[in-house]
Amino acid sequence: MINPPRHQEEYQDRSIECQEAIEPGFQAIVDCMLEVGWTRGEILRSLKRLIAADNMTQKEIKTEAELAIVRPMIRDGKRL
């Protein structure tokens, strides 16, 4: 079971609580990976790369959404 945030809006310890919610699953993944022969360094490098790839994907999605808004404006000759 993953603990949800105490409130939906921002509050001081929200990021800490998020880390605490992630930690058991993170440890389980690391332990499973170590058991099958991956090293801790390989695991951590791979997690960093996965985070970087996810960040790039999110930026691409945002850019595509912004372009979807701007293209019709340009096509219709409106000023930005």
PDB file of N, CA and C in Angstrom:
ATOM      1  N   MET A   1       0.848  -1.189   0.000  1.00  0.00           N
ATOM      2  CA  MET A   1       0.000   0.000   0.000  1.00  0.00           C
ATOM      3  C   MET A   1       0.888   1.245   0.000  1.00  0.00           C
ATOM      4  N   ILE A   2       0.591   2.156  -0.881  1.00  0.00           N
ATOM      5  CA  ILE A   2       1.334   3.414  -0.962  1.00  0.00           C
ATOM      6  C   ILE A   2       0.515   4.486  -0.266  1.00  0.00           C
ATOM      7  N   ASN A   3       1.164   5.209   0.632  1.00  0.00           N
ATOM      8  CA  ASN A   3       0.483   6.282   1.357  1.00  0.00           C
ATOM      9  C   ASN A   3       0.278   7.486   0.443  1.00  0.00           C
ATOM     10  N   PRO A   4      -0.927   8.028   0.406  1.00  0.00           N
ATOM     11  CA  PRO A   4      -1.183   9.235  -0.383  1.00  0.00           C
ATOM     12  C   PRO A   4      -0.736  10.476   0.399  1.00  0.00           C
ATOM     13  N   PRO A   5      -0.648  11.631  -0.265  1.00  0.00           N
ATOM     14  CA  PRO A   5      -0.335  12.858   0.475  1.00  0.00           C
ATOM     15  C   PRO A   5      -1.468  13.188   1.451  1.00  0.00           C
ATOM     16  N   ARG A   6      -1.116  13.864   2.533  1.00  0.00           N
ATOM     17  CA  ARG A   6      -2.128  14.256   3.526  1.00  0.00           C
ATOM     18  C   ARG A   6      -3.138  15.237   2.955  1.00  0.00           C
ATOM     19  N   HIS A   7      -2.669  16.115   2.048  1.00  0.00           N
ATOM     20  CA  HIS A   7      -3.516  17.128   1.409  1.00  0.00           C
ATOM     21  C   HIS A   7      -3.188  17.148  -0.078  1.00  0.00           C
ATOM     22  N   GLN A   8      -4.141  17.541  -0.898  1.00  0.00           N
ATOM     23  CA  GLN A   8      -3.891  17.640  -2.332  1.00  0.00           C
ATOM     24  C   GLN A   8      -3.087  18.889  -2.683  1.00  0.00           C
ATOM     25  N   GLU A   9      -3.244  19.954  -1.899  1.00  0.00           N
ATOM     26  CA  GLU A   9      -2.472  21.175  -2.169  1.00  0.00           C
ATOM     27  C   GLU A   9      -1.065  21.038  -1.566  1.00  0.00           C
ATOM     28  N   GLU A  10      -0.181  21.951  -1.967  1.00  0.00           N
ATOM     29  CA  GLU A  10       1.195  21.956  -1.464  1.00  0.00           C
ATOM     30  C   GLU A  10       1.224  22.213   0.042  1.00  0.00           C
ATOM     31  N   TYR A  11       2.162  21.561   0.720  1.00  0.00           N
ATOM     32  CA  TYR A  11       2.422  21.843   2.134  1.00  0.00           C
ATOM     33  C   TYR A  11       3.882  21.527   2.413  1.00  0.00           C
ATOM     34  N   GLN A  12       4.397  21.999   3.531  1.00  0.00           N
ATOM     35  CA  GLN A  12       5.830  22.010   3.808  1.00  0.00           C
ATOM     36  C   GLN A  12       6.516  20.652   3.661  1.00  0.00           C
ATOM     37  N   ASP A  13       5.973  19.591   4.200  1.00  0.00           N
ATOM     38  CA  ASP A  13       6.656  18.296   4.190  1.00  0.00           C
ATOM     39  C   ASP A  13       6.185  17.357   3.083  1.00  0.00           C
ATOM     40  N   ARG A  14       5.514  17.887   2.089  1.00  0.00           N
ATOM     41  CA  ARG A  14       4.952  17.030   1.037  1.00  0.00           C
ATOM     42  C   ARG A  14       6.034  16.221   0.323  1.00  0.00           C
ATOM     43  N   SER A  15       7.149  16.830  -0.049  1.00  0.00           N
ATOM     44  CA  SER A  15       8.188  16.087  -0.768  1.00  0.00           C
ATOM     45  C   SER A  15       8.825  15.018   0.122  1.00  0.00           C
ATOM     46  N   ILE A  16       8.976  15.304   1.400  1.00  0.00           N
ATOM     47  CA  ILE A  16       9.516  14.311   2.328  1.00  0.00           C
ATOM     48  C   ILE A  16       8.557  13.133   2.439  1.00  0.00           C
ATOM     49  N   GLU A  17       7.271  13.420   2.543  1.00  0.00           N
ATOM     50  CA  GLU A  17       6.274  12.353   2.626  1.00  0.00           C
ATOM     51  C   GLU A  17       6.248  11.528   1.336  1.00  0.00           C
ATOM     52  N   CYS A  18       6.463  12.168   0.209  1.00  0.00           N
ATOM     53  CA  CYS A  18       6.522  11.442  -1.056  1.00  0.00           C
ATOM     54  C   CYS A  18       7.707  10.477  -1.046  1.00  0.00           C
ATOM     55  N   GLN A  19       8.868  10.945  -0.592  1.00  0.00           N
ATOM     56  CA  GLN A  19      10.035  10.076  -0.486  1.00  0.00           C
ATOM     57  C   GLN A  19       9.757   8.895   0.437  1.00  0.00           C
ATOM     58  N   GLU A  20       9.110   9.155   1.543  1.00  0.00           N
ATOM     59  CA  GLU A  20       8.784   8.081   2.483  1.00  0.00           C
ATOM     60  C   GLU A  20       7.815   7.080   1.855  1.00  0.00           C
ATOM     61  N   ALA A  21       6.906   7.554   1.014  1.00  0.00           N
ATOM     62  CA  ALA A  21       5.959   6.662   0.351  1.00  0.00           C
ATOM     63  C   ALA A  21       6.651   5.805  -0.710  1.00  0.00           C
ATOM     64  N   ILE A  22       7.632   6.366  -1.389  1.00  0.00           N
ATOM     65  CA  ILE A  22       8.362   5.661  -2.444  1.00  0.00           C
ATOM     66  C   ILE A  22       9.361   4.662  -1.873  1.00  0.00           C
ATOM     67  N   GLU A  23       9.946   4.968  -0.741  1.00  0.00           N
ATOM     68  CA  GLU A  23      11.093   4.229  -0.207  1.00  0.00           C
ATOM     69  C   GLU A  23      10.912   2.709  -0.110  1.00  0.00           C
ATOM     70  N   PRO A  24       9.807   2.196   0.409  1.00  0.00           N
ATOM     71  CA  PRO A  24       9.688   0.725   0.481  1.00  0.00           C
ATOM     72  C   PRO A  24       9.729   0.054  -0.901  1.00  0.00           C
ATOM     73  N   GLY A  25       9.052   0.634  -1.871  1.00  0.00           N
ATOM     74  CA  GLY A  25       9.073   0.085  -3.221  1.00  0.00           C
ATOM     75  C   GLY A  25      10.447   0.194  -3.849  1.00  0.00           C
ATOM     76  N   PHE A  26      11.101   1.313  -3.615  1.00  0.00           N
ATOM     77  CA  PHE A  26      12.461   1.517  -4.114  1.00  0.00           C
ATOM     78  C   PHE A  26      13.398   0.453  -3.547  1.00  0.00           C
ATOM     79  N   GLN A  27      13.321   0.245  -2.243  1.00  0.00           N
ATOM     80  CA  GLN A  27      14.176  -0.766  -1.608  1.00  0.00           C
ATOM     81  C   GLN A  27      13.879  -2.165  -2.147  1.00  0.00           C
ATOM     82  N   ALA A  28      12.603  -2.456  -2.387  1.00  0.00           N
ATOM     83  CA  ALA A  28      12.228  -3.763  -2.930  1.00  0.00           C
ATOM     84  C   ALA A  28      12.830  -3.963  -4.324  1.00  0.00           C
ATOM     85  N   ILE A  29      12.773  -2.921  -5.167  1.00  0.00           N
ATOM     86  CA  ILE A  29      13.363  -3.006  -6.507  1.00  0.00           C
ATOM     87  C   ILE A  29      14.866  -3.230  -6.412  1.00  0.00           C
ATOM     88  N   VAL A  30      15.539  -2.436  -5.587  1.00  0.00           N
ATOM     89  CA  VAL A  30      16.995  -2.569  -5.439  1.00  0.00           C
ATOM     90  C   VAL A  30      17.338  -3.962  -4.936  1.00  0.00           C
ATOM     91  N   ASP A  31      16.640  -4.443  -3.926  1.00  0.00           N
ATOM     92  CA  ASP A  31      16.925  -5.775  -3.382  1.00  0.00           C
ATOM     93  C   ASP A  31      16.745  -6.866  -4.438  1.00  0.00           C
ATOM     94  N   CYS A  32      15.664  -6.783  -5.214  1.00  0.00           N
ATOM     95  CA  CYS A  32      15.429  -7.774  -6.276  1.00  0.00           C
ATOM     96  C   CYS A  32      16.526  -7.735  -7.327  1.00  0.00           C
ATOM     97  N   MET A  33      16.935  -6.545  -7.698  1.00  0.00           N
ATOM     98  CA  MET A  33      17.990  -6.400  -8.699  1.00  0.00           C
ATOM     99  C   MET A  33      19.315  -6.952  -8.186  1.00  0.00           C
ATOM    100  N   LEU A  34      19.639  -6.688  -6.914  1.00  0.00           N
ATOM    101  CA  LEU A  34      20.865  -7.216  -6.320  1.00  0.00           C
ATOM    102  C   LEU A  34      20.833  -8.746  -6.265  1.00  0.00           C
ATOM    103  N   GLU A  35      19.685  -9.291  -5.940  1.00  0.00           N
ATOM    104  CA  GLU A  35      19.537 -10.741  -5.843  1.00  0.00           C
ATOM    105  C   GLU A  35      19.836 -11.457  -7.150  1.00  0.00           C
ATOM    106  N   VAL A  36      19.488 -10.837  -8.272  1.00  0.00           N
ATOM    107  CA  VAL A  36      19.704 -11.496  -9.556  1.00  0.00           C
ATOM    108  C   VAL A  36      21.054 -11.160 -10.186  1.00  0.00           C
ATOM    109  N   GLY A  37      21.862 -10.356  -9.487  1.00  0.00           N
ATOM    110  CA  GLY A  37      23.234 -10.162  -9.943  1.00  0.00           C
ATOM    111  C   GLY A  37      23.650  -8.787 -10.399  1.00  0.00           C
ATOM    112  N   TRP A  38      22.745  -7.811 -10.388  1.00  0.00           N
ATOM    113  CA  TRP A  38      23.136  -6.455 -10.759  1.00  0.00           C
ATOM    114  C   TRP A  38      23.855  -5.810  -9.582  1.00  0.00           C
ATOM    115  N   THR A  39      24.787  -4.908  -9.884  1.00  0.00           N
ATOM    116  CA  THR A  39      25.487  -4.207  -8.802  1.00  0.00           C
ATOM    117  C   THR A  39      24.694  -2.968  -8.410  1.00  0.00           C
ATOM    118  N   ARG A  40      24.951  -2.464  -7.212  1.00  0.00           N
ATOM    119  CA  ARG A  40      24.266  -1.256  -6.730  1.00  0.00           C
ATOM    120  C   ARG A  40      24.549  -0.073  -7.665  1.00  0.00           C
ATOM    121  N   GLY A  41      25.779   0.053  -8.129  1.00  0.00           N
ATOM    122  CA  GLY A  41      26.125   1.141  -9.047  1.00  0.00           C
ATOM    123  C   GLY A  41      25.347   1.066 -10.349  1.00  0.00           C
ATOM    124  N   GLU A  42      25.227  -0.141 -10.907  1.00  0.00           N
ATOM    125  CA  GLU A  42      24.459  -0.315 -12.139  1.00  0.00           C
ATOM    126  C   GLU A  42      22.991   0.050 -11.926  1.00  0.00           C
ATOM    127  N   ILE A  43      22.463  -0.378 -10.815  1.00  0.00           N
ATOM    128  CA  ILE A  43      21.058  -0.098 -10.505  1.00  0.00           C
ATOM    129  C   ILE A  43      20.823   1.402 -10.389  1.00  0.00           C
ATOM    130  N   LEU A  44      21.668   2.088  -9.635  1.00  0.00           N
ATOM    131  CA  LEU A  44      21.481   3.520  -9.425  1.00  0.00           C
ATOM    132  C   LEU A  44      21.682   4.313 -10.708  1.00  0.00           C
ATOM    133  N   ARG A  45      22.673   3.934 -11.523  1.00  0.00           N
ATOM    134  CA  ARG A  45      22.867   4.609 -12.816  1.00  0.00           C
ATOM    135  C   ARG A  45      21.646   4.409 -13.713  1.00  0.00           C
ATOM    136  N   SER A  46      21.111   3.200 -13.708  1.00  0.00           N
ATOM    137  CA  SER A  46      19.937   2.919 -14.527  1.00  0.00           C
ATOM    138  C   SER A  46      18.725   3.715 -14.061  1.00  0.00           C
ATOM    139  N   LEU A  47      18.541   3.819 -12.752  1.00  0.00           N
ATOM    140  CA  LEU A  47      17.431   4.621 -12.224  1.00  0.00           C
ATOM    141  C   LEU A  47      17.580   6.086 -12.614  1.00  0.00           C
ATOM    142  N   LYS A  48      18.801   6.607 -12.552  1.00  0.00           N
ATOM    143  CA  LYS A  48      19.033   8.002 -12.958  1.00  0.00           C
ATOM    144  C   LYS A  48      18.682   8.200 -14.425  1.00  0.00           C
ATOM    145  N   ARG A  49      19.069   7.226 -15.275  1.00  0.00           N
ATOM    146  CA  ARG A  49      18.766   7.327 -16.702  1.00  0.00           C
ATOM    147  C   ARG A  49      17.266   7.249 -16.959  1.00  0.00           C
ATOM    148  N   LEU A  50      16.587   6.393 -16.210  1.00  0.00           N
ATOM    149  CA  LEU A  50      15.132   6.307 -16.354  1.00  0.00           C
ATOM    150  C   LEU A  50      14.456   7.618 -15.962  1.00  0.00           C
ATOM    151  N   ILE A  51      14.945   8.247 -14.902  1.00  0.00           N
ATOM    152  CA  ILE A  51      14.392   9.535 -14.476  1.00  0.00           C
ATOM    153  C   ILE A  51      14.648  10.596 -15.551  1.00  0.00           C
ATOM    154  N   ALA A  52      15.872  10.616 -16.100  1.00  0.00           N
ATOM    155  CA  ALA A  52      16.200  11.580 -17.154  1.00  0.00           C
ATOM    156  C   ALA A  52      15.324  11.361 -18.387  1.00  0.00           C
ATOM    157  N   ALA A  53      15.111  10.101 -18.762  1.00  0.00           N
ATOM    158  CA  ALA A  53      14.264   9.799 -19.921  1.00  0.00           C
ATOM    159  C   ALA A  53      12.826  10.236 -19.673  1.00  0.00           C
ATOM    160  N   ASP A  54      12.334  10.020 -18.470  1.00  0.00           N
ATOM    161  CA  ASP A  54      10.977  10.446 -18.142  1.00  0.00           C
ATOM    162  C   ASP A  54      10.862  11.967 -18.203  1.00  0.00           C
ATOM    163  N   ASN A  55      11.873  12.671 -17.715  1.00  0.00           N
ATOM    164  CA  ASN A  55      11.861  14.140 -17.774  1.00  0.00           C
ATOM    165  C   ASN A  55      11.815  14.623 -19.217  1.00  0.00           C
ATOM    166  N   MET A  56      12.593  13.990 -20.087  1.00  0.00           N
ATOM    167  CA  MET A  56      12.591  14.377 -21.502  1.00  0.00           C
ATOM    168  C   MET A  56      11.221  14.120 -22.123  1.00  0.00           C
ATOM    169  N   THR A  57      10.623  12.992 -21.810  1.00  0.00           N
ATOM    170  CA  THR A  57       9.299  12.672 -22.338  1.00  0.00           C
ATOM    171  C   THR A  57       8.278  13.711 -21.900  1.00  0.00           C
ATOM    172  N   GLN A  58       8.321  14.102 -20.631  1.00  0.00           N
ATOM    173  CA  GLN A  58       7.379  15.099 -20.128  1.00  0.00           C
ATOM    174  C   GLN A  58       7.581  16.447 -20.813  1.00  0.00           C
ATOM    175  N   LYS A  59       8.844  16.826 -21.078  1.00  0.00           N
ATOM    176  CA  LYS A  59       9.123  18.080 -21.785  1.00  0.00           C
ATOM    177  C   LYS A  59       8.590  18.023 -23.211  1.00  0.00           C
ATOM    178  N   GLU A  60       8.750  16.860 -23.868  1.00  0.00           N
ATOM    179  CA  GLU A  60       8.252  16.709 -25.230  1.00  0.00           C
ATOM    180  C   GLU A  60       6.731  16.812 -25.257  1.00  0.00           C
ATOM    181  N   ILE A  61       6.067  16.224 -24.291  1.00  0.00           N
ATOM    182  CA  ILE A  61       4.607  16.298 -24.223  1.00  0.00           C
ATOM    183  C   ILE A  61       4.156  17.746 -24.048  1.00  0.00           C
ATOM    184  N   LYS A  62       4.847  18.476 -23.165  1.00  0.00           N
ATOM    185  CA  LYS A  62       4.503  19.879 -22.927  1.00  0.00           C
ATOM    186  C   LYS A  62       4.721  20.708 -24.192  1.00  0.00           C
ATOM    187  N   THR A  63       5.832  20.459 -24.868  1.00  0.00           N
ATOM    188  CA  THR A  63       6.139  21.197 -26.091  1.00  0.00           C
ATOM    189  C   THR A  63       5.084  20.922 -27.161  1.00  0.00           C
ATOM    190  N   GLU A  64       4.697  19.663 -27.312  1.00  0.00           N
ATOM    191  CA  GLU A  64       3.672  19.319 -28.309  1.00  0.00           C
ATOM    192  C   GLU A  64       2.344  19.990 -27.980  1.00  0.00           C
ATOM    193  N   ALA A  65       1.997  20.042 -26.701  1.00  0.00           N
ATOM    194  CA  ALA A  65       0.748  20.699 -26.299  1.00  0.00           C
ATOM    195  C   ALA A  65       0.806  22.195 -26.612  1.00  0.00           C
ATOM    196  N   GLU A  66       1.956  22.819 -26.339  1.00  0.00           N
ATOM    197  CA  GLU A  66       2.112  24.240 -26.629  1.00  0.00           C
ATOM    198  C   GLU A  66       2.030  24.505 -28.131  1.00  0.00           C
ATOM    199  N   LEU A  67       2.660  23.626 -28.916  1.00  0.00           N
ATOM    200  CA  LEU A  67       2.605  23.786 -30.372  1.00  0.00           C
ATOM    201  C   LEU A  67       1.189  23.609 -30.904  1.00  0.00           C
ATOM    202  N   ALA A  68       0.428  22.713 -30.305  1.00  0.00           N
ATOM    203  CA  ALA A  68      -0.958  22.496 -30.734  1.00  0.00           C
ATOM    204  C   ALA A  68      -1.794  23.758 -30.524  1.00  0.00           C
ATOM    205  N   ILE A  69      -1.430  24.559 -29.542  1.00  0.00           N
ATOM    206  CA  ILE A  69      -2.144  25.813 -29.282  1.00  0.00           C
ATOM    207  C   ILE A  69      -1.688  26.905 -30.245  1.00  0.00           C
ATOM    208  N   VAL A  70      -0.394  26.969 -30.506  1.00  0.00           N
ATOM    209  CA  VAL A  70       0.183  28.055 -31.302  1.00  0.00           C
ATOM    210  C   VAL A  70      -0.048  27.875 -32.804  1.00  0.00           C
ATOM    211  N   ARG A  71       0.008  26.640 -33.302  1.00  0.00           N
ATOM    212  CA  ARG A  71      -0.123  26.409 -34.749  1.00  0.00           C
ATOM    213  C   ARG A  71      -1.375  27.033 -35.353  1.00  0.00           C
ATOM    214  N   PRO A  72      -2.555  26.832 -34.772  1.00  0.00           N
ATOM    215  CA  PRO A  72      -3.747  27.461 -35.364  1.00  0.00           C
ATOM    216  C   PRO A  72      -3.668  28.986 -35.350  1.00  0.00           C
ATOM    217  N   MET A  73      -3.041  29.541 -34.325  1.00  0.00           N
ATOM    218  CA  MET A  73      -2.907  30.991 -34.250  1.00  0.00           C
ATOM    219  C   MET A  73      -2.020  31.498 -35.383  1.00  0.00           C
ATOM    220  N   ILE A  74      -0.947  30.789 -35.644  1.00  0.00           N
ATOM    221  CA  ILE A  74      -0.042  31.186 -36.728  1.00  0.00           C
ATOM    222  C   ILE A  74      -0.746  31.015 -38.068  1.00  0.00           C
ATOM    223  N   ARG A  75      -1.436  29.896 -38.225  1.00  0.00           N
ATOM    224  CA  ARG A  75      -2.149  29.618 -39.474  1.00  0.00           C
ATOM    225  C   ARG A  75      -3.196  30.700 -39.762  1.00  0.00           C
ATOM    226  N   ASP A  76      -3.836  31.189 -38.705  1.00  0.00           N
ATOM    227  CA  ASP A  76      -4.877  32.222 -38.867  1.00  0.00           C
ATOM    228  C   ASP A  76      -4.300  33.628 -38.899  1.00  0.00           C
ATOM    229  N   GLY A  77      -2.983  33.763 -38.824  1.00  0.00           N
ATOM    230  CA  GLY A  77      -2.329  35.048 -38.916  1.00  0.00           C
ATOM    231  C   GLY A  77      -2.445  35.909 -37.659  1.00  0.00           C
ATOM    232  N   LYS A  78      -2.716  35.283 -36.539  1.00  0.00           N
ATOM    233  CA  LYS A  78      -2.824  36.037 -35.285  1.00  0.00           C
ATOM    234  C   LYS A  78      -1.443  36.237 -34.688  1.00  0.00           C
ATOM    235  N   ARG A  79      -1.302  37.350 -33.994  1.00  0.00           N
ATOM    236  CA  ARG A  79      -0.044  37.672 -33.326  1.00  0.00           C
ATOM    237  C   ARG A  79       0.026  36.933 -32.000  1.00  0.00           C
ATOM    238  N   LEU A  80       1.232  36.506 -31.644  1.00  0.00           N
ATOM    239  CA  LEU A  80       1.442  35.798 -30.377  1.00  0.00           C
ATOM    240  C   LEU A  80       1.711  36.748 -29.250  1.00  0.00           C
TER     241      LEU A  80
END
